[in-house]
Amino acid sequence: MENSKGEKGKRLWKKVKYQLVEYHSLPGYLRDNEYIVGHYKSEWPMKQLLLSIFSIHNETLNVWAFIQSILVITNVRVQVHDHLELHDILRKADLHKLHSELVTCFPSLPNMSDLYKFQDELKTSISGWHRSMKEDVTNIIAPLMVRPITRWPFFTFLGGAMFCLLASSACHLLSCHSECISYIVRRLDYAGIAALISTSFYPPVYYSFICDPFFCRLYLGFITILGVVAILFSFLAGFHRPKFRTLRASLFFGMGMSSIAPIIHKLILFWHQPEALHTTFYEVLMGILYGTGAFVYAARIPEQWMPGKFDIAGHSHQLFHILVVAGAYTHYRAGLVYLEWRDQHGC
């Protein structure tokens, strides 16, 4: 009987112990936004924190938004990788004979990097064919004869986005375990944001200035150094405190604004190319989304207008995450335009 009462008491104590608490009950290191009044986890064991993915609290939507984004990026990486493998298979298949015959027909083929020129030459050569068949043959053969541009800048960006999402998920899920764990995962979160911003520069800079190695290395080196400095700066003691919220937002916003120089440079060089204008539209939209996210995060909108009303859904940190993911997606779309542009036109 006594054992039964003791077990019931333990279960009751665990229930009480792992209840969500309000802001004023939090230890100092967990206090960040006084306008989010309740539904906080506080110093839970690791097992309970991991299981909390499936419960409702003020971090639930943050964690699940990032988990879903990670799955989407993983799917994108697989699709792009499969596309490259298919291209390699087609090139390594029994196309060597076809290639030699095409070179006989088109002596300029080995030196031809422009896919459009090659397509025009093919169309001229097979002018006796039915029009639709001629277009199909041209579209199939031409890409196989022109080597695709390197993809590492594109994959670097996807890797930076993946790291940012993983780090932020870990931060929102585990930061309330203990002060030590909170210190570590918050630094990882800031490092992930800096990594996302830095790697976002790689596709536009590399593919815009692939024919000008000096400016390509200059811009890539600058943003890489800036990203490393931002990561080191985020490791300073007290950087995570609420009073430095505006400073954090300004630091990451400033990193994003440094992309203005290479974008303007690209437009000066390629103002006559529709791809340059197309990618610039995506990049401006990305900047607007990132900038809006930073402003919402720093201003704590909308919860400061109605404290306690946005504890579960709709508070500034969730809106910040949504805007960052949307910005990353627009950048992904710009990256696809860059790849198609350089695959078809080369350097």
C-alpha atoms as a PDB file:
ATOM      1  CA  MET A   1       0.000   0.000   0.000  1.00  0.00           C
ATOM      2  CA  GLU A   2       2.773   2.390   0.958  1.00  0.00           C
ATOM      3  CA  ASN A   3       4.687   1.467  -2.228  1.00  0.00           C
ATOM      4  CA  SER A   4       1.588   2.190  -4.290  1.00  0.00           C
ATOM      5  CA  LYS A   5       1.200   5.606  -2.662  1.00  0.00           C
ATOM      6  CA  GLY A   6       4.884   6.294  -3.190  1.00  0.00           C
ATOM      7  CA  GLU A   7       4.673   5.484  -6.917  1.00  0.00           C
ATOM      8  CA  LYS A   8       1.591   7.681  -7.320  1.00  0.00           C
ATOM      9  CA  GLY A   9       3.413  10.491  -5.540  1.00  0.00           C
ATOM     10  CA  LYS A  10       6.408  10.166  -7.878  1.00  0.00           C
ATOM     11  CA  ARG A  11       4.184  10.226 -10.957  1.00  0.00           C
ATOM     12  CA  LEU A  12       2.344  13.281  -9.627  1.00  0.00           C
ATOM     13  CA  TRP A  13       5.648  15.024  -8.853  1.00  0.00           C
ATOM     14  CA  LYS A  14       6.914  14.328 -12.401  1.00  0.00           C
ATOM     15  CA  LYS A  15       3.714  15.746 -13.844  1.00  0.00           C
ATOM     16  CA  VAL A  16       4.059  18.906 -11.786  1.00  0.00           C
ATOM     17  CA  LYS A  17       7.777  19.154 -12.451  1.00  0.00           C
ATOM     18  CA  TYR A  18       7.413  19.027 -16.264  1.00  0.00           C
ATOM     19  CA  GLN A  19       4.518  21.438 -16.514  1.00  0.00           C
ATOM     20  CA  LEU A  20       4.895  24.528 -18.713  1.00  0.00           C
ATOM     21  CA  VAL A  21       5.639  27.688 -16.754  1.00  0.00           C
ATOM     22  CA  GLU A  22       5.207  31.419 -17.189  1.00  0.00           C
ATOM     23  CA  TYR A  23       7.887  33.985 -17.998  1.00  0.00           C
ATOM     24  CA  HIS A  24       8.307  35.244 -14.433  1.00  0.00           C
ATOM     25  CA  SER A  25       9.088  31.674 -13.260  1.00  0.00           C
ATOM     26  CA  LEU A  26      12.002  31.214 -15.674  1.00  0.00           C
ATOM     27  CA  PRO A  27      15.644  31.291 -14.556  1.00  0.00           C
ATOM     28  CA  GLY A  28      17.528  34.356 -15.769  1.00  0.00           C
ATOM     29  CA  TYR A  29      19.348  32.673 -18.673  1.00  0.00           C
ATOM     30  CA  LEU A  30      16.024  31.647 -20.273  1.00  0.00           C
ATOM     31  CA  ARG A  31      14.422  35.078 -20.111  1.00  0.00           C
ATOM     32  CA  ASP A  32      14.479  36.648 -23.564  1.00  0.00           C
ATOM     33  CA  ASN A  33      11.081  38.083 -24.487  1.00  0.00           C
ATOM     34  CA  GLU A  34       8.801  39.286 -21.715  1.00  0.00           C
ATOM     35  CA  TYR A  35       5.935  39.747 -24.196  1.00  0.00           C
ATOM     36  CA  ILE A  36       5.650  35.965 -24.567  1.00  0.00           C
ATOM     37  CA  VAL A  37       3.999  35.385 -21.216  1.00  0.00           C
ATOM     38  CA  GLY A  38       3.540  31.637 -20.894  1.00  0.00           C
ATOM     39  CA  HIS A  39       3.930  28.072 -22.225  1.00  0.00           C
ATOM     40  CA  TYR A  40       7.672  27.823 -21.477  1.00  0.00           C
ATOM     41  CA  LYS A  41       9.674  24.663 -20.828  1.00  0.00           C
ATOM     42  CA  SER A  42      12.176  25.143 -18.033  1.00  0.00           C
ATOM     43  CA  GLU A  43      15.140  22.889 -17.169  1.00  0.00           C
ATOM     44  CA  TRP A  44      13.601  19.659 -18.368  1.00  0.00           C
ATOM     45  CA  PRO A  45      15.655  16.425 -18.757  1.00  0.00           C
ATOM     46  CA  MET A  46      16.881  15.577 -22.261  1.00  0.00           C
ATOM     47  CA  LYS A  47      14.372  12.761 -22.730  1.00  0.00           C
ATOM     48  CA  GLN A  48      11.413  15.021 -21.974  1.00  0.00           C
ATOM     49  CA  LEU A  49      12.813  17.737 -24.239  1.00  0.00           C
ATOM     50  CA  LEU A  50      13.095  15.346 -27.177  1.00  0.00           C
ATOM     51  CA  LEU A  51       9.572  14.068 -26.570  1.00  0.00           C
ATOM     52  CA  SER A  52       8.311  17.663 -26.362  1.00  0.00           C
ATOM     53  CA  ILE A  53       8.486  17.781 -30.176  1.00  0.00           C
ATOM     54  CA  PHE A  54       5.074  16.140 -30.036  1.00  0.00           C
ATOM     55  CA  SER A  55       3.527  18.478 -27.446  1.00  0.00           C
ATOM     56  CA  ILE A  56       2.243  22.043 -27.542  1.00  0.00           C
ATOM     57  CA  HIS A  57       4.425  24.857 -26.160  1.00  0.00           C
ATOM     58  CA  ASN A  58       5.747  28.179 -27.408  1.00  0.00           C
ATOM     59  CA  GLU A  59       8.564  26.497 -29.385  1.00  0.00           C
ATOM     60  CA  THR A  60       6.533  23.776 -31.111  1.00  0.00           C
ATOM     61  CA  LEU A  61       5.947  25.663 -34.372  1.00  0.00           C
ATOM     62  CA  ASN A  62       9.566  26.862 -34.480  1.00  0.00           C
ATOM     63  CA  VAL A  63      10.905  23.315 -34.260  1.00  0.00           C
ATOM     64  CA  TRP A  64       8.461  21.773 -36.725  1.00  0.00           C
ATOM     65  CA  ALA A  65       8.865  24.567 -39.267  1.00  0.00           C
ATOM     66  CA  PHE A  66      12.586  23.881 -39.372  1.00  0.00           C
ATOM     67  CA  ILE A  67      12.202  20.097 -39.449  1.00  0.00           C
ATOM     68  CA  GLN A  68       9.937  20.377 -42.493  1.00  0.00           C
ATOM     69  CA  SER A  69      12.347  22.823 -44.154  1.00  0.00           C
ATOM     70  CA  ILE A  70      15.228  20.392 -43.560  1.00  0.00           C
ATOM     71  CA  LEU A  71      13.266  17.604 -45.266  1.00  0.00           C
ATOM     72  CA  VAL A  72      12.553  19.870 -48.242  1.00  0.00           C
ATOM     73  CA  ILE A  73      16.239  20.834 -48.612  1.00  0.00           C
ATOM     74  CA  THR A  74      17.283  17.184 -48.354  1.00  0.00           C
ATOM     75  CA  ASN A  75      14.851  16.342 -51.149  1.00  0.00           C
ATOM     76  CA  VAL A  76      16.225  19.203 -53.268  1.00  0.00           C
ATOM     77  CA  ARG A  77      19.806  18.014 -52.783  1.00  0.00           C
ATOM     78  CA  VAL A  78      18.845  14.477 -53.821  1.00  0.00           C
ATOM     79  CA  GLN A  79      17.017  15.711 -56.924  1.00  0.00           C
ATOM     80  CA  VAL A  80      19.921  17.909 -58.046  1.00  0.00           C
ATOM     81  CA  HIS A  81      22.387  15.079 -57.371  1.00  0.00           C
ATOM     82  CA  ASP A  82      20.249  12.621 -59.356  1.00  0.00           C
ATOM     83  CA  HIS A  83      20.097  15.104 -62.224  1.00  0.00           C
ATOM     84  CA  LEU A  84      23.881  15.358 -62.283  1.00  0.00           C
ATOM     85  CA  GLU A  85      24.250  11.571 -62.146  1.00  0.00           C
ATOM     86  CA  LEU A  86      21.851  11.208 -65.087  1.00  0.00           C
ATOM     87  CA  HIS A  87      23.871  13.754 -67.028  1.00  0.00           C
ATOM     88  CA  ASP A  88      27.076  11.826 -66.305  1.00  0.00           C
ATOM     89  CA  ILE A  89      25.478   8.521 -67.305  1.00  0.00           C
ATOM     90  CA  LEU A  90      24.333   9.964 -70.595  1.00  0.00           C
ATOM     91  CA  ARG A  91      27.749  11.416 -71.283  1.00  0.00           C
ATOM     92  CA  LYS A  92      29.547   8.137 -70.432  1.00  0.00           C
ATOM     93  CA  ALA A  93      27.091   5.929 -72.317  1.00  0.00           C
ATOM     94  CA  ASP A  94      27.705   4.868 -75.905  1.00  0.00           C
ATOM     95  CA  LEU A  95      27.844   8.494 -76.952  1.00  0.00           C
ATOM     96  CA  HIS A  96      31.575   8.477 -77.740  1.00  0.00           C
ATOM     97  CA  LYS A  97      30.844   7.295 -81.258  1.00  0.00           C
ATOM     98  CA  LEU A  98      28.096   9.914 -81.592  1.00  0.00           C
ATOM     99  CA  HIS A  99      30.487  12.547 -80.290  1.00  0.00           C
ATOM    100  CA  SER A 100      33.230  11.674 -82.810  1.00  0.00           C
ATOM    101  CA  GLU A 101      30.722  11.740 -85.659  1.00  0.00           C
ATOM    102  CA  LEU A 102      29.389  15.091 -84.513  1.00  0.00           C
ATOM    103  CA  VAL A 103      32.919  16.475 -84.319  1.00  0.00           C
ATOM    104  CA  THR A 104      33.448  15.314 -87.926  1.00  0.00           C
ATOM    105  CA  CYS A 105      30.295  17.149 -88.948  1.00  0.00           C
ATOM    106  CA  PHE A 106      31.014  20.180 -86.764  1.00  0.00           C
ATOM    107  CA  PRO A 107      34.776  20.862 -86.559  1.00  0.00           C
ATOM    108  CA  SER A 108      34.192  23.794 -84.183  1.00  0.00           C
ATOM    109  CA  LEU A 109      32.387  21.607 -81.600  1.00  0.00           C
ATOM    110  CA  PRO A 110      35.352  20.970 -79.214  1.00  0.00           C
ATOM    111  CA  ASN A 111      35.831  24.722 -78.762  1.00  0.00           C
ATOM    112  CA  MET A 112      32.162  25.547 -78.516  1.00  0.00           C
ATOM    113  CA  SER A 113      31.051  26.427 -74.956  1.00  0.00           C
ATOM    114  CA  ASP A 114      27.850  28.222 -75.920  1.00  0.00           C
ATOM    115  CA  LEU A 115      24.918  25.822 -76.003  1.00  0.00           C
ATOM    116  CA  TYR A 116      22.756  28.206 -78.028  1.00  0.00           C
ATOM    117  CA  LYS A 117      25.353  28.454 -80.811  1.00  0.00           C
ATOM    118  CA  PHE A 118      25.624  24.678 -80.942  1.00  0.00           C
ATOM    119  CA  GLN A 119      21.849  24.347 -81.074  1.00  0.00           C
ATOM    120  CA  ASP A 120      21.697  26.804 -84.002  1.00  0.00           C
ATOM    121  CA  GLU A 121      24.363  24.862 -85.849  1.00  0.00           C
ATOM    122  CA  LEU A 122      22.495  21.603 -85.288  1.00  0.00           C
ATOM    123  CA  LYS A 123      19.243  23.121 -86.534  1.00  0.00           C
ATOM    124  CA  THR A 124      20.944  24.395 -89.673  1.00  0.00           C
ATOM    125  CA  SER A 125      22.608  21.039 -90.365  1.00  0.00           C
ATOM    126  CA  ILE A 126      19.434  18.947 -90.069  1.00  0.00           C
ATOM    127  CA  SER A 127      17.207  21.427 -91.860  1.00  0.00           C
ATOM    128  CA  GLY A 128      15.722  18.680 -94.016  1.00  0.00           C
ATOM    129  CA  TRP A 129      14.072  17.012 -91.033  1.00  0.00           C
ATOM    130  CA  HIS A 130      10.559  17.566 -89.818  1.00  0.00           C
ATOM    131  CA  ARG A 131      10.476  20.715 -87.701  1.00  0.00           C
ATOM    132  CA  SER A 132       9.276  19.136 -84.430  1.00  0.00           C
ATOM    133  CA  MET A 133      11.699  16.231 -84.776  1.00  0.00           C
ATOM    134  CA  LYS A 134      14.527  18.692 -85.470  1.00  0.00           C
ATOM    135  CA  GLU A 135      13.767  20.599 -82.255  1.00  0.00           C
ATOM    136  CA  ASP A 136      13.642  17.390 -80.191  1.00  0.00           C
ATOM    137  CA  VAL A 137      16.960  16.089 -81.535  1.00  0.00           C
ATOM    138  CA  THR A 138      18.593  19.454 -80.981  1.00  0.00           C
ATOM    139  CA  ASN A 139      17.381  19.712 -77.389  1.00  0.00           C
ATOM    140  CA  ILE A 140      18.551  16.164 -76.588  1.00  0.00           C
ATOM    141  CA  ILE A 141      21.976  16.200 -78.242  1.00  0.00           C
ATOM    142  CA  ALA A 142      23.150  19.734 -77.519  1.00  0.00           C
ATOM    143  CA  PRO A 143      23.222  19.578 -73.678  1.00  0.00           C
ATOM    144  CA  LEU A 144      25.098  16.255 -73.801  1.00  0.00           C
ATOM    145  CA  MET A 145      27.940  17.772 -75.799  1.00  0.00           C
ATOM    146  CA  VAL A 146      28.478  20.790 -73.549  1.00  0.00           C
ATOM    147  CA  ARG A 147      29.923  20.131 -70.108  1.00  0.00           C
ATOM    148  CA  PRO A 148      27.745  21.454 -67.236  1.00  0.00           C
ATOM    149  CA  ILE A 149      29.126  24.125 -64.937  1.00  0.00           C
ATOM    150  CA  THR A 150      30.387  23.122 -61.489  1.00  0.00           C
ATOM    151  CA  ARG A 151      27.725  22.870 -58.787  1.00  0.00           C
ATOM    152  CA  TRP A 152      29.793  23.275 -55.605  1.00  0.00           C
ATOM    153  CA  PRO A 153      28.671  26.892 -54.894  1.00  0.00           C
ATOM    154  CA  PHE A 154      25.036  25.785 -55.172  1.00  0.00           C
ATOM    155  CA  PHE A 155      25.589  22.832 -52.846  1.00  0.00           C
ATOM    156  CA  THR A 156      27.547  25.060 -50.446  1.00  0.00           C
ATOM    157  CA  PHE A 157      24.496  27.302 -50.151  1.00  0.00           C
ATOM    158  CA  LEU A 158      22.206  24.300 -49.541  1.00  0.00           C
ATOM    159  CA  GLY A 159      24.670  23.017 -46.923  1.00  0.00           C
ATOM    160  CA  GLY A 160      24.690  26.401 -45.159  1.00  0.00           C
ATOM    161  CA  ALA A 161      20.890  26.468 -45.145  1.00  0.00           C
ATOM    162  CA  MET A 162      20.791  22.914 -43.764  1.00  0.00           C
ATOM    163  CA  PHE A 163      23.258  23.763 -40.985  1.00  0.00           C
ATOM    164  CA  CYS A 164      21.286  26.896 -40.057  1.00  0.00           C
ATOM    165  CA  LEU A 165      18.019  24.963 -39.804  1.00  0.00           C
ATOM    166  CA  LEU A 166      19.565  22.106 -37.807  1.00  0.00           C
ATOM    167  CA  ALA A 167      21.298  24.492 -35.399  1.00  0.00           C
ATOM    168  CA  SER A 168      18.143  26.535 -34.874  1.00  0.00           C
ATOM    169  CA  SER A 169      16.041  23.409 -34.313  1.00  0.00           C
ATOM    170  CA  ALA A 170      18.534  22.207 -31.691  1.00  0.00           C
ATOM    171  CA  CYS A 171      18.496  25.625 -30.030  1.00  0.00           C
ATOM    172  CA  HIS A 172      14.710  25.839 -29.757  1.00  0.00           C
ATOM    173  CA  LEU A 173      14.407  22.262 -28.605  1.00  0.00           C
ATOM    174  CA  LEU A 174      17.301  21.962 -26.119  1.00  0.00           C
ATOM    175  CA  SER A 175      18.153  25.446 -24.829  1.00  0.00           C
ATOM    176  CA  CYS A 176      15.871  25.031 -21.810  1.00  0.00           C
ATOM    177  CA  HIS A 177      17.755  21.938 -20.557  1.00  0.00           C
ATOM    178  CA  SER A 178      20.402  23.771 -18.522  1.00  0.00           C
ATOM    179  CA  GLU A 179      22.484  26.946 -18.600  1.00  0.00           C
ATOM    180  CA  CYS A 180      25.474  25.097 -20.084  1.00  0.00           C
ATOM    181  CA  ILE A 181      23.452  23.502 -22.914  1.00  0.00           C
ATOM    182  CA  SER A 182      21.693  26.807 -23.528  1.00  0.00           C
ATOM    183  CA  TYR A 183      25.037  28.578 -23.948  1.00  0.00           C
ATOM    184  CA  ILE A 184      26.224  26.010 -26.497  1.00  0.00           C
ATOM    185  CA  VAL A 185      23.094  25.732 -28.654  1.00  0.00           C
ATOM    186  CA  ARG A 186      22.516  29.487 -28.751  1.00  0.00           C
ATOM    187  CA  ARG A 187      26.035  29.959 -30.153  1.00  0.00           C
ATOM    188  CA  LEU A 188      25.327  27.251 -32.704  1.00  0.00           C
ATOM    189  CA  ASP A 189      22.136  29.095 -33.644  1.00  0.00           C
ATOM    190  CA  TYR A 190      24.005  32.360 -34.284  1.00  0.00           C
ATOM    191  CA  ALA A 191      26.731  30.480 -36.178  1.00  0.00           C
ATOM    192  CA  GLY A 192      24.029  28.885 -38.343  1.00  0.00           C
ATOM    193  CA  ILE A 193      22.534  32.273 -39.232  1.00  0.00           C
ATOM    194  CA  ALA A 194      25.985  33.633 -40.159  1.00  0.00           C
ATOM    195  CA  ALA A 195      26.669  30.479 -42.228  1.00  0.00           C
ATOM    196  CA  LEU A 196      23.374  30.830 -44.109  1.00  0.00           C
ATOM    197  CA  ILE A 197      24.034  34.482 -44.956  1.00  0.00           C
ATOM    198  CA  SER A 198      27.643  33.820 -46.011  1.00  0.00           C
ATOM    199  CA  THR A 199      26.904  30.777 -48.164  1.00  0.00           C
ATOM    200  CA  SER A 200      23.990  32.632 -49.780  1.00  0.00           C
ATOM    201  CA  PHE A 201      26.632  34.758 -51.510  1.00  0.00           C
ATOM    202  CA  TYR A 202      28.411  31.812 -53.111  1.00  0.00           C
ATOM    203  CA  PRO A 203      26.088  31.019 -56.060  1.00  0.00           C
ATOM    204  CA  PRO A 204      25.492  34.641 -57.224  1.00  0.00           C
ATOM    205  CA  VAL A 205      29.125  35.683 -56.820  1.00  0.00           C
ATOM    206  CA  TYR A 206      30.682  32.557 -58.335  1.00  0.00           C
ATOM    207  CA  TYR A 207      28.341  32.280 -61.323  1.00  0.00           C
ATOM    208  CA  SER A 208      28.288  36.037 -61.995  1.00  0.00           C
ATOM    209  CA  PHE A 209      32.074  36.426 -61.945  1.00  0.00           C
ATOM    210  CA  ILE A 210      33.190  32.967 -63.060  1.00  0.00           C
ATOM    211  CA  CYS A 211      34.917  34.622 -66.036  1.00  0.00           C
ATOM    212  CA  ASP A 212      36.667  37.174 -63.801  1.00  0.00           C
ATOM    213  CA  PRO A 213      38.618  35.223 -61.130  1.00  0.00           C
ATOM    214  CA  PHE A 214      39.900  38.362 -59.384  1.00  0.00           C
ATOM    215  CA  PHE A 215      36.467  39.736 -58.459  1.00  0.00           C
ATOM    216  CA  CYS A 216      35.142  36.225 -57.829  1.00  0.00           C
ATOM    217  CA  ARG A 217      37.840  35.575 -55.222  1.00  0.00           C
ATOM    218  CA  LEU A 218      37.564  39.114 -53.830  1.00  0.00           C
ATOM    219  CA  TYR A 219      33.838  38.943 -53.116  1.00  0.00           C
ATOM    220  CA  LEU A 220      33.881  35.317 -51.912  1.00  0.00           C
ATOM    221  CA  GLY A 221      36.874  36.003 -49.647  1.00  0.00           C
ATOM    222  CA  PHE A 222      35.236  39.113 -48.202  1.00  0.00           C
ATOM    223  CA  ILE A 223      31.935  37.450 -47.287  1.00  0.00           C
ATOM    224  CA  THR A 224      33.706  34.354 -45.939  1.00  0.00           C
ATOM    225  CA  ILE A 225      35.879  36.478 -43.631  1.00  0.00           C
ATOM    226  CA  LEU A 226      32.822  38.513 -42.611  1.00  0.00           C
ATOM    227  CA  GLY A 227      30.959  35.302 -41.752  1.00  0.00           C
ATOM    228  CA  VAL A 228      33.846  33.990 -39.636  1.00  0.00           C
ATOM    229  CA  VAL A 229      34.071  37.339 -37.800  1.00  0.00           C
ATOM    230  CA  ALA A 230      30.307  37.275 -37.134  1.00  0.00           C
ATOM    231  CA  ILE A 231      30.562  33.740 -35.732  1.00  0.00           C
ATOM    232  CA  LEU A 232      33.476  34.697 -33.478  1.00  0.00           C
ATOM    233  CA  PHE A 233      31.647  37.845 -32.381  1.00  0.00           C
ATOM    234  CA  SER A 234      28.592  35.782 -31.431  1.00  0.00           C
ATOM    235  CA  PHE A 235      30.750  33.763 -29.013  1.00  0.00           C
ATOM    236  CA  LEU A 236      31.393  36.838 -26.869  1.00  0.00           C
ATOM    237  CA  ALA A 237      30.014  36.550 -23.350  1.00  0.00           C
ATOM    238  CA  GLY A 238      26.559  38.063 -23.033  1.00  0.00           C
ATOM    239  CA  PHE A 239      25.932  38.302 -26.782  1.00  0.00           C
ATOM    240  CA  HIS A 240      22.755  36.227 -26.343  1.00  0.00           C
ATOM    241  CA  ARG A 241      21.240  38.541 -23.741  1.00  0.00           C
ATOM    242  CA  PRO A 242      18.004  40.405 -24.546  1.00  0.00           C
ATOM    243  CA  LYS A 243      19.670  43.830 -24.381  1.00  0.00           C
ATOM    244  CA  PHE A 244      21.818  42.860 -27.401  1.00  0.00           C
ATOM    245  CA  ARG A 245      18.830  41.771 -29.496  1.00  0.00           C
ATOM    246  CA  THR A 246      19.027  44.879 -31.710  1.00  0.00           C
ATOM    247  CA  LEU A 247      22.794  44.483 -32.063  1.00  0.00           C
ATOM    248  CA  ARG A 248      22.369  40.855 -33.185  1.00  0.00           C
ATOM    249  CA  ALA A 249      19.732  41.797 -35.739  1.00  0.00           C
ATOM    250  CA  SER A 250      21.887  44.699 -37.006  1.00  0.00           C
ATOM    251  CA  LEU A 251      24.952  42.468 -37.365  1.00  0.00           C
ATOM    252  CA  PHE A 252      23.163  39.903 -39.526  1.00  0.00           C
ATOM    253  CA  PHE A 253      21.276  42.599 -41.442  1.00  0.00           C
ATOM    254  CA  GLY A 254      24.591  44.314 -42.227  1.00  0.00           C
ATOM    255  CA  MET A 255      26.021  41.052 -43.522  1.00  0.00           C
ATOM    256  CA  GLY A 256      23.091  40.715 -45.890  1.00  0.00           C
ATOM    257  CA  MET A 257      23.373  44.305 -47.098  1.00  0.00           C
ATOM    258  CA  SER A 258      26.996  43.727 -48.128  1.00  0.00           C
ATOM    259  CA  SER A 259      25.579  41.821 -51.119  1.00  0.00           C
ATOM    260  CA  ILE A 260      24.636  45.140 -52.751  1.00  0.00           C
ATOM    261  CA  ALA A 261      28.140  45.648 -54.196  1.00  0.00           C
ATOM    262  CA  PRO A 262      28.389  42.379 -56.186  1.00  0.00           C
ATOM    263  CA  ILE A 263      24.760  42.685 -57.359  1.00  0.00           C
ATOM    264  CA  ILE A 264      25.341  46.197 -58.761  1.00  0.00           C
ATOM    265  CA  HIS A 265      28.625  45.006 -60.301  1.00  0.00           C
ATOM    266  CA  LYS A 266      26.779  42.094 -61.952  1.00  0.00           C
ATOM    267  CA  LEU A 267      24.136  44.428 -63.391  1.00  0.00           C
ATOM    268  CA  ILE A 268      26.808  46.717 -64.838  1.00  0.00           C
ATOM    269  CA  LEU A 269      28.518  43.782 -66.563  1.00  0.00           C
ATOM    270  CA  PHE A 270      25.414  41.891 -67.726  1.00  0.00           C
ATOM    271  CA  TRP A 271      22.676  44.514 -67.991  1.00  0.00           C
ATOM    272  CA  HIS A 272      21.817  43.151 -71.462  1.00  0.00           C
ATOM    273  CA  GLN A 273      21.340  39.567 -70.161  1.00  0.00           C
ATOM    274  CA  PRO A 274      17.762  38.666 -69.087  1.00  0.00           C
ATOM    275  CA  GLU A 275      19.203  36.156 -66.591  1.00  0.00           C
ATOM    276  CA  ALA A 276      20.987  38.963 -64.744  1.00  0.00           C
ATOM    277  CA  LEU A 277      17.734  40.852 -64.288  1.00  0.00           C
ATOM    278  CA  HIS A 278      15.844  37.682 -63.370  1.00  0.00           C
ATOM    279  CA  THR A 279      18.315  36.725 -60.632  1.00  0.00           C
ATOM    280  CA  THR A 280      18.478  40.301 -59.347  1.00  0.00           C
ATOM    281  CA  PHE A 281      14.702  40.265 -58.854  1.00  0.00           C
ATOM    282  CA  TYR A 282      15.024  37.147 -56.695  1.00  0.00           C
ATOM    283  CA  GLU A 283      17.955  38.665 -54.761  1.00  0.00           C
ATOM    284  CA  VAL A 284      16.093  41.905 -54.052  1.00  0.00           C
ATOM    285  CA  LEU A 285      13.089  39.888 -52.881  1.00  0.00           C
ATOM    286  CA  MET A 286      15.375  37.799 -50.678  1.00  0.00           C
ATOM    287  CA  GLY A 287      16.857  40.974 -49.170  1.00  0.00           C
ATOM    288  CA  ILE A 288      13.373  42.333 -48.435  1.00  0.00           C
ATOM    289  CA  LEU A 289      12.367  39.078 -46.733  1.00  0.00           C
ATOM    290  CA  TYR A 290      15.561  38.874 -44.646  1.00  0.00           C
ATOM    291  CA  GLY A 291      15.382  42.573 -43.748  1.00  0.00           C
ATOM    292  CA  THR A 292      11.737  42.341 -42.740  1.00  0.00           C
ATOM    293  CA  GLY A 293      12.530  39.280 -40.649  1.00  0.00           C
ATOM    294  CA  ALA A 294      15.344  41.096 -38.845  1.00  0.00           C
ATOM    295  CA  PHE A 295      13.076  44.092 -38.157  1.00  0.00           C
ATOM    296  CA  VAL A 296      10.220  41.929 -36.841  1.00  0.00           C
ATOM    297  CA  TYR A 297      12.663  40.010 -34.624  1.00  0.00           C
ATOM    298  CA  ALA A 298      14.236  43.163 -33.170  1.00  0.00           C
ATOM    299  CA  ALA A 299      10.923  45.027 -32.706  1.00  0.00           C
ATOM    300  CA  ARG A 300       9.119  41.975 -31.199  1.00  0.00           C
ATOM    301  CA  ILE A 301       6.116  42.448 -33.438  1.00  0.00           C
ATOM    302  CA  PRO A 302       3.271  41.604 -32.883  1.00  0.00           C
ATOM    303  CA  GLU A 303       3.501  40.259 -29.303  1.00  0.00           C
ATOM    304  CA  GLN A 304       4.551  43.582 -27.800  1.00  0.00           C
ATOM    305  CA  TRP A 305       1.178  45.005 -28.858  1.00  0.00           C
ATOM    306  CA  MET A 306      -0.788  42.195 -27.164  1.00  0.00           C
ATOM    307  CA  PRO A 307       1.396  40.343 -24.627  1.00  0.00           C
ATOM    308  CA  GLY A 308       0.317  36.751 -24.073  1.00  0.00           C
ATOM    309  CA  LYS A 309      -1.887  36.549 -27.176  1.00  0.00           C
ATOM    310  CA  PHE A 310       0.835  35.122 -29.453  1.00  0.00           C
ATOM    311  CA  ASP A 311       2.561  32.731 -27.062  1.00  0.00           C
ATOM    312  CA  ILE A 312       1.773  29.590 -29.090  1.00  0.00           C
ATOM    313  CA  ALA A 313       1.546  30.935 -32.629  1.00  0.00           C
ATOM    314  CA  GLY A 314       2.295  34.172 -34.455  1.00  0.00           C
ATOM    315  CA  HIS A 315       5.036  35.713 -32.300  1.00  0.00           C
ATOM    316  CA  SER A 316       8.031  37.542 -33.769  1.00  0.00           C
ATOM    317  CA  HIS A 317      10.506  34.667 -33.644  1.00  0.00           C
ATOM    318  CA  GLN A 318       8.159  32.429 -35.618  1.00  0.00           C
ATOM    319  CA  LEU A 319       7.572  35.163 -38.201  1.00  0.00           C
ATOM    320  CA  PHE A 320      11.344  35.685 -38.386  1.00  0.00           C
ATOM    321  CA  HIS A 321      11.819  31.982 -39.148  1.00  0.00           C
ATOM    322  CA  ILE A 322       9.120  31.988 -41.824  1.00  0.00           C
ATOM    323  CA  LEU A 323      10.658  35.021 -43.533  1.00  0.00           C
ATOM    324  CA  VAL A 324      14.168  33.543 -43.392  1.00  0.00           C
ATOM    325  CA  VAL A 325      13.000  30.256 -44.940  1.00  0.00           C
ATOM    326  CA  ALA A 326      11.074  32.199 -47.616  1.00  0.00           C
ATOM    327  CA  GLY A 327      14.210  34.247 -48.319  1.00  0.00           C
ATOM    328  CA  ALA A 328      16.299  31.085 -48.624  1.00  0.00           C
ATOM    329  CA  TYR A 329      13.753  29.654 -51.056  1.00  0.00           C
ATOM    330  CA  THR A 330      13.910  32.729 -53.314  1.00  0.00           C
ATOM    331  CA  HIS A 331      17.681  32.387 -53.259  1.00  0.00           C
ATOM    332  CA  TYR A 332      17.346  28.749 -54.278  1.00  0.00           C
ATOM    333  CA  ARG A 333      15.209  29.829 -57.243  1.00  0.00           C
ATOM    334  CA  ALA A 334      17.864  32.376 -58.222  1.00  0.00           C
ATOM    335  CA  GLY A 335      20.491  29.629 -57.985  1.00  0.00           C
ATOM    336  CA  LEU A 336      18.584  27.521 -60.520  1.00  0.00           C
ATOM    337  CA  VAL A 337      18.544  30.462 -62.937  1.00  0.00           C
ATOM    338  CA  TYR A 338      22.311  30.898 -62.486  1.00  0.00           C
ATOM    339  CA  LEU A 339      22.919  27.195 -63.182  1.00  0.00           C
ATOM    340  CA  GLU A 340      20.824  27.221 -66.343  1.00  0.00           C
ATOM    341  CA  TRP A 341      22.476  30.439 -67.520  1.00  0.00           C
ATOM    342  CA  ARG A 342      26.028  29.177 -67.122  1.00  0.00           C
ATOM    343  CA  ASP A 343      25.223  25.663 -68.356  1.00  0.00           C
ATOM    344  CA  GLN A 344      23.918  27.126 -71.602  1.00  0.00           C
ATOM    345  CA  HIS A 345      26.274  30.043 -72.150  1.00  0.00           C
ATOM    346  CA  GLY A 346      29.419  28.973 -70.318  1.00  0.00           C
ATOM    347  CA  CYS A 347      32.024  31.586 -69.534  1.00  0.00           C
END
